[in-house]
């Protein structure tokens, strides 16, 4: 049901995206910090919505559909804003591309697998990937301007964020490959249906 708390948390991740985009576009120390905090809150709701749905027995088809969509929209918006505002180094753009391509690949594979009634459980490595990805994006959204605001300018925030983004991209390739292999295995095992 749409008004169940897990679904409300999922929808909040989608609702926060325009505010996140505006905060990143303003690009001053306070707005960067606000964007980072908003992104962090949204990332935390990703952890709690599924946990609450299971503990309250409020799992639903709507929630299973909305959850990955909300995640992908949030990550895509953050990555596009960082790239569009040149807040990633030239080398930092490559893991961003890998992450975006993997999200599109996995979405397509999940759509195919749902059509043949095969579910893909989330592997533990995917959870690590999500953790590094969300952490990296939160740090990159805060950026060096927020570091100055918080008087921690001695820490290379953008370098730390990009290093975490590279780790997330490496995990993204591994988990994306696992999804692809599993999907190809299911596609190869299916018998062709005769057309009328």
Protein backbone atom coordinates (compact mmCIF):
# COMPACT_ATOMS: atom_id res chain seq x y z
CA UNK A 1 0.00 0.00 0.00
CA UNK A 2 1.27 3.47 -0.87
CA UNK A 3 0.81 4.82 2.67
CA UNK A 4 2.86 2.10 4.38
CA UNK A 5 5.97 3.54 6.05
CA UNK A 6 8.45 1.55 3.90
CA UNK A 7 6.82 2.89 0.70
CA UNK A 8 6.75 6.43 2.12
CA UNK A 9 10.49 6.17 2.79
CA UNK A 10 11.06 4.93 -0.76
CA UNK A 11 8.96 7.75 -2.23
CA UNK A 12 10.86 10.27 -0.09
CA UNK A 13 14.04 9.34 -1.99
CA UNK A 14 12.34 10.33 -5.22
CA UNK A 15 10.81 13.48 -3.73
CA UNK A 16 14.18 14.71 -2.44
CA UNK A 17 15.81 14.65 -5.90
CA UNK A 18 14.64 18.14 -7.06
CA UNK A 19 15.85 19.65 -3.76
CA UNK A 20 19.15 17.84 -4.15
CA UNK A 21 19.59 19.10 -7.71
CA UNK A 22 18.87 22.71 -6.70
CA UNK A 23 21.27 22.52 -3.75
CA UNK A 24 24.06 21.12 -5.93
CA UNK A 25 23.36 23.75 -8.63
CA UNK A 26 23.74 26.61 -6.13
CA UNK A 27 27.23 25.27 -5.28
CA UNK A 28 28.32 27.21 -2.24
CA UNK A 29 29.64 25.77 1.03
CA UNK A 30 26.25 25.72 2.76
CA UNK A 31 24.26 24.34 -0.18
CA UNK A 32 26.92 21.67 -0.78
CA UNK A 33 26.66 20.60 2.85
CA UNK A 34 22.85 20.58 2.61
CA UNK A 35 23.05 18.45 -0.57
CA UNK A 36 25.39 16.00 1.16
CA UNK A 37 23.15 15.73 4.22
CA UNK A 38 20.02 15.26 2.06
CA UNK A 39 21.76 12.57 0.05
CA UNK A 40 22.91 10.87 3.25
CA UNK A 41 19.37 10.87 4.65
CA UNK A 42 18.07 9.44 1.38
CA UNK A 43 20.74 6.72 1.45
CA UNK A 44 19.74 5.79 5.00
CA UNK A 45 16.09 5.45 3.96
CA UNK A 46 17.27 2.93 1.36
CA UNK A 47 18.58 0.77 4.18
CA UNK A 48 15.52 1.14 6.39
CA UNK A 49 12.67 0.81 3.87
CA UNK A 50 13.44 -2.83 3.08
CA UNK A 51 14.22 -3.68 6.68
CA UNK A 52 10.96 -2.13 7.89
CA UNK A 53 8.96 -3.82 5.14
CA UNK A 54 10.29 -7.22 6.21
CA UNK A 55 9.89 -6.64 9.96
CA UNK A 56 6.35 -5.23 9.61
CA UNK A 57 5.41 -7.74 6.91
CA UNK A 58 4.57 -4.88 4.58
CA UNK A 59 6.43 -6.18 1.55
CA UNK A 60 4.52 -5.41 -1.61
CA UNK A 61 4.89 -5.52 -5.37
CA UNK A 62 4.70 -1.71 -5.35
CA UNK A 63 7.63 -1.51 -2.94
CA UNK A 64 9.67 -4.05 -4.91
CA UNK A 65 9.07 -1.99 -8.05
CA UNK A 66 9.68 1.46 -6.52
CA UNK A 67 12.78 0.67 -4.45
CA UNK A 68 15.27 0.05 -7.28
CA UNK A 69 13.74 2.90 -9.31
CA UNK A 70 14.21 5.34 -6.41
CA UNK A 71 17.80 4.18 -5.92
CA UNK A 72 18.70 4.56 -9.57
CA UNK A 73 17.05 7.98 -9.91
CA UNK A 74 18.88 9.28 -6.83
CA UNK A 75 22.28 7.95 -7.93
CA UNK A 76 21.79 9.13 -11.53
CA UNK A 77 20.79 12.65 -10.44
CA UNK A 78 23.80 12.94 -8.14
CA UNK A 79 26.24 11.63 -10.76
CA UNK A 80 24.84 13.84 -13.53
CA UNK A 81 25.04 16.94 -11.34
CA UNK A 82 28.62 16.18 -10.31
CA UNK A 83 29.70 15.56 -13.91
CA UNK A 84 27.65 18.46 -15.32
CA UNK A 85 29.21 20.92 -12.89
CA UNK A 86 32.75 19.62 -13.46
CA UNK A 87 32.99 18.54 -9.83
CA UNK A 88 34.72 15.31 -10.80
CA UNK A 89 38.24 15.18 -12.15
CA UNK A 90 38.82 13.85 -15.65
CA UNK A 91 39.64 10.47 -14.11
CA UNK A 92 36.58 10.63 -11.84
CA UNK A 93 34.22 10.66 -14.82
CA UNK A 94 35.15 7.07 -15.77
CA UNK A 95 33.80 5.35 -12.65
CA UNK A 96 30.69 7.52 -12.98
CA UNK A 97 30.17 6.16 -16.51
CA UNK A 98 30.72 2.58 -15.33
CA UNK A 99 28.18 3.02 -12.52
CA UNK A 100 25.54 4.53 -14.84
CA UNK A 101 26.01 1.81 -17.47
CA UNK A 102 25.74 -0.93 -14.86
CA UNK A 103 22.50 0.57 -13.51
CA UNK A 104 21.00 0.51 -17.01
CA UNK A 105 22.26 -3.04 -17.64
CA UNK A 106 20.88 -4.39 -14.38
CA UNK A 107 17.54 -2.66 -14.93
CA UNK A 108 17.21 -4.32 -18.31
CA UNK A 109 18.25 -7.71 -16.95
CA UNK A 110 15.81 -7.48 -14.05
CA UNK A 111 13.02 -6.58 -16.45
CA UNK A 112 13.86 -9.61 -18.60
CA UNK A 113 14.09 -11.94 -15.60
CA UNK A 114 10.79 -10.73 -14.17
CA UNK A 115 9.21 -11.58 -17.52
CA UNK A 116 10.36 -15.17 -17.14
CA UNK A 117 9.40 -15.22 -13.44
CA UNK A 118 12.96 -15.41 -12.14
CA UNK A 119 14.00 -13.22 -9.25
CA UNK A 120 17.55 -12.04 -8.66
CA UNK A 121 18.44 -11.87 -4.97
CA UNK A 122 20.73 -9.07 -3.89
CA UNK A 123 24.19 -10.45 -3.22
CA UNK A 124 26.28 -9.35 -0.24
CA UNK A 125 28.84 -7.82 -2.63
CA UNK A 126 26.07 -5.66 -4.10
CA UNK A 127 25.43 -4.26 -0.63
CA UNK A 128 29.11 -3.35 -0.34
CA UNK A 129 28.91 -1.74 -3.76
CA UNK A 130 25.92 0.31 -2.66
CA UNK A 131 27.67 1.34 0.55
CA UNK A 132 30.79 2.58 -1.25
CA UNK A 133 28.71 4.24 -3.97
CA UNK A 134 26.43 6.10 -1.56
CA UNK A 135 29.35 7.07 0.66
CA UNK A 136 31.37 8.33 -2.30
CA UNK A 137 28.50 10.39 -3.68
CA UNK A 138 27.71 11.89 -0.29
CA UNK A 139 31.35 12.93 0.13
CA UNK A 140 31.60 14.28 -3.42
CA UNK A 141 28.41 16.30 -2.99
CA UNK A 142 29.88 17.89 0.14
CA UNK A 143 33.03 18.61 -1.81
CA UNK A 144 35.96 20.75 -0.82
CA UNK A 145 33.78 23.84 -0.25
CA UNK A 146 32.00 22.14 2.65
CA UNK A 147 35.34 20.97 4.01
CA UNK A 148 36.39 24.62 4.23
CA UNK A 149 33.08 25.49 5.93
CA UNK A 150 33.62 22.74 8.51
CA UNK A 151 37.28 23.77 8.93
CA UNK A 152 38.58 20.42 7.77
CA UNK A 153 40.31 21.79 4.68
CA UNK A 154 43.37 19.65 5.30
CA UNK A 155 41.42 16.55 4.24
CA UNK A 156 41.26 16.12 0.44
CA UNK A 157 37.52 15.47 0.38
CA UNK A 158 37.17 15.23 -3.40
CA UNK A 159 40.12 12.81 -3.64
CA UNK A 160 38.63 10.61 -0.93
CA UNK A 161 35.24 10.65 -2.67
CA UNK A 162 36.73 9.77 -6.05
CA UNK A 163 38.79 6.93 -4.55
CA UNK A 164 35.61 5.50 -3.05
CA UNK A 165 33.86 6.00 -6.40
CA UNK A 166 36.56 3.90 -8.11
CA UNK A 167 36.06 1.14 -5.53
CA UNK A 168 32.31 1.31 -6.12
CA UNK A 169 32.91 1.11 -9.89
CA UNK A 170 35.10 -2.00 -9.47
CA UNK A 171 32.42 -3.66 -7.34
CA UNK A 172 29.86 -2.50 -9.90
CA UNK A 173 31.66 -4.37 -12.68
CA UNK A 174 31.86 -7.56 -10.61
CA UNK A 175 28.21 -7.51 -9.52
CA UNK A 176 27.03 -6.42 -12.98
CA UNK A 177 28.93 -9.36 -14.49
CA UNK A 178 27.23 -11.71 -12.01
CA UNK A 179 23.80 -10.40 -13.05
CA UNK A 180 24.70 -10.75 -16.73
CA UNK A 181 25.97 -14.33 -16.38
CA UNK A 182 22.90 -15.39 -14.38
CA UNK A 183 20.60 -13.80 -16.96
CA UNK A 184 22.37 -15.44 -19.88
CA UNK A 185 22.17 -18.78 -18.08
CA UNK A 186 18.39 -18.40 -17.70
CA UNK A 187 18.02 -17.25 -21.32
CA UNK A 188 20.01 -20.25 -22.59
CA UNK A 189 17.93 -22.72 -20.55
CA UNK A 190 14.58 -21.45 -21.81
CA UNK A 191 12.97 -23.39 -24.60
CA UNK A 192 11.85 -21.29 -27.54
CA UNK A 193 8.10 -21.02 -27.78
CA UNK A 194 6.50 -21.70 -31.12
CA UNK A 195 4.73 -18.79 -32.70
CA UNK A 196 1.21 -19.21 -34.06
